[in-house]
Protein backbone atom coordinates (compact mmCIF):
# COMPACT_ATOMS: atom_id res chain seq x y z
CA MET A 1 -29.14 -6.81 29.12
CA SER A 2 -27.70 -4.57 26.74
CA ALA A 3 -24.57 -5.67 24.78
CA ARG A 4 -21.92 -3.25 25.37
CA PRO A 5 -18.79 -3.36 22.87
CA ASP A 6 -15.55 -4.39 24.14
CA PRO A 7 -13.68 -1.39 24.77
CA SER A 8 -10.40 -2.93 23.93
CA LEU A 9 -12.03 -2.86 20.21
CA ILE A 10 -12.94 0.57 20.20
CA ILE A 11 -10.66 3.20 18.38
CA GLN A 12 -10.89 7.11 18.52
CA THR A 13 -9.43 8.81 15.50
CA ARG A 14 -7.54 11.94 15.62
CA SER A 15 -10.80 13.68 14.43
CA GLY A 16 -13.15 12.47 17.38
CA ARG A 17 -14.82 9.70 15.26
CA VAL A 18 -15.19 6.46 17.49
CA LEU A 19 -14.74 3.10 15.37
CA ASP A 20 -15.40 -0.39 16.08
CA LEU A 21 -12.92 -3.15 14.63
CA ALA A 22 -14.90 -3.27 11.39
CA GLY A 23 -15.01 0.46 10.88
CA PHE A 24 -11.35 0.90 11.46
CA GLU A 25 -10.75 -1.98 8.90
CA GLU A 26 -12.89 -0.04 6.47
CA ALA A 27 -11.24 3.22 7.03
CA ILE A 28 -7.70 1.28 6.80
CA HIS A 29 -8.78 -0.09 3.49
CA ALA A 30 -10.09 2.85 1.84
CA GLY A 31 -6.70 4.53 2.93
CA LEU A 32 -5.02 1.96 1.08
CA LEU A 33 -7.12 2.11 -2.02
CA ARG A 34 -6.55 5.77 -2.21
CA ARG A 35 -2.85 5.49 -1.98
CA GLU A 36 -2.49 3.08 -4.64
CA ARG A 37 -4.68 5.13 -7.12
CA GLU A 38 -2.44 8.22 -6.10
CA LEU A 39 0.79 5.79 -6.97
CA THR A 40 -0.79 4.28 -9.94
CA SER A 41 -1.33 8.08 -11.28
CA ARG A 42 1.98 9.02 -10.41
CA ARG A 43 3.56 5.86 -12.39
CA VAL A 44 1.65 6.73 -15.62
CA ARG A 45 2.79 10.37 -15.49
CA VAL A 46 6.52 9.15 -14.91
CA LYS A 47 6.14 6.64 -17.94
CA LYS A 48 4.83 9.33 -20.19
CA ALA A 49 7.48 11.93 -19.12
CA ALA A 50 10.15 9.07 -19.82
CA ALA A 51 8.70 8.25 -23.33
CA ARG A 52 8.70 11.99 -24.30
CA LEU A 53 12.20 12.29 -23.00
CA SER A 54 13.08 9.07 -25.27
CA GLU A 55 11.45 10.31 -28.33
CA ARG A 56 13.27 13.71 -28.08
CA ALA A 57 16.87 11.95 -27.44
CA LEU A 58 16.12 9.59 -30.78
CA ALA A 59 14.87 12.58 -32.52
CA ALA A 60 18.40 14.39 -31.80
CA VAL A 61 20.29 11.19 -32.69
CA ARG A 62 18.37 10.99 -36.02
CA LEU A 63 19.41 14.74 -36.65
CA LEU A 64 23.07 14.36 -35.79
CA ARG A 65 23.16 11.32 -37.70
CA LYS A 66 22.07 13.17 -40.75
CA LYS A 67 24.10 16.06 -40.17
CA LEU A 68 27.07 13.59 -40.04
CA ILE A 69 26.24 11.90 -43.03
CA ALA A 70 26.09 15.11 -45.09
CA ALA A 71 29.25 16.65 -43.75
CA LEU A 72 31.15 13.34 -44.94
CA ARG A 73 29.50 13.42 -48.08
CA ARG A 74 31.22 16.79 -48.93
């Protein structure tokens, strides 16, 4: 007797691959890991951009403070 897989546990993907339940779970897990890496990468880029903008703003405030103090001393 051949053990045929339960047809309710077989999934065909858009690309035509046929996956059993374990293969389907593995594909989902791989997709979730990829998405997590993408989000982590984006989060790092956003933090770096925010730090750069913050530094520029602080530099502008320091420059304005120096100019204001110099103007008041005249």
